[in-house]
Amino acid sequence: MIDQNTEDFLCCAHAQVGEQAPDFTLEGVDTDGVTFRTYPLKSHRGEWVVLFFYPLDFTFICPTEITQFSTRFADFQKLNTIVYSCSTDSVHSHKQWLKEIGPLKFPMLSDMTQEMSDAYGVLVHSKGITLRGTFIIDPEGVLRYAAYNDLDVGRSVDEVLRVLAALQTGERCPVDWKPGEQTLGK
């Protein structure tokens, strides 16, 4: 028998690593914390993209992750990577929350329709929020990495950067591989 929590995640087909990443065009709050803009994924063909979902604005763990991604933004830039955060909150909620947590170096996207969250497999249908999902999309728009964290456990930005660097080598990288270490070749 399937319980309600399991049923939340089984209702729809979701993006898988190795497939085209679900496309999106979402409204978000720009890095100035004030301006609303539209952000289309297709505009980043030719670039790497890290897209991370978080459950809700004004919560406990989310600001620790979001501010850490912003603090490490220069490391993402060195890897020629665009970063987006996303939740099912409105752009107005994002804008208000930024007054508390301070400016970020990447846009905060709003998925109020929950369509993108569902397409990426992070939507908790019964709650209308997302899991902590992290996705790396390559320059051709292919989903190359997907990780899902429980609502109560923050993710590691170091690990996201490590995997991103490994993917960018285009080679096989062994367990705990770090930039500068030997790869296993093609």
Foldseek 3Di string as FASTA:
>chain_A
DDDLQRVLQPPDDAADFPAFQDWDWFWWQFQVLPDIDIDTPVVQQVAKEKEKEAFDQPDDCVLVQQVVCQVCVVLCVVLRYAYEYEKQDDNVSSSVSCVVSPGGNHIYTHDVVCPSLVRNRFARVVVRIGFTWIWMAHNRRGTHDIDGDGNVDDDDPVVVSQVSVVVVVVAAADPPDGPPDDHPGD
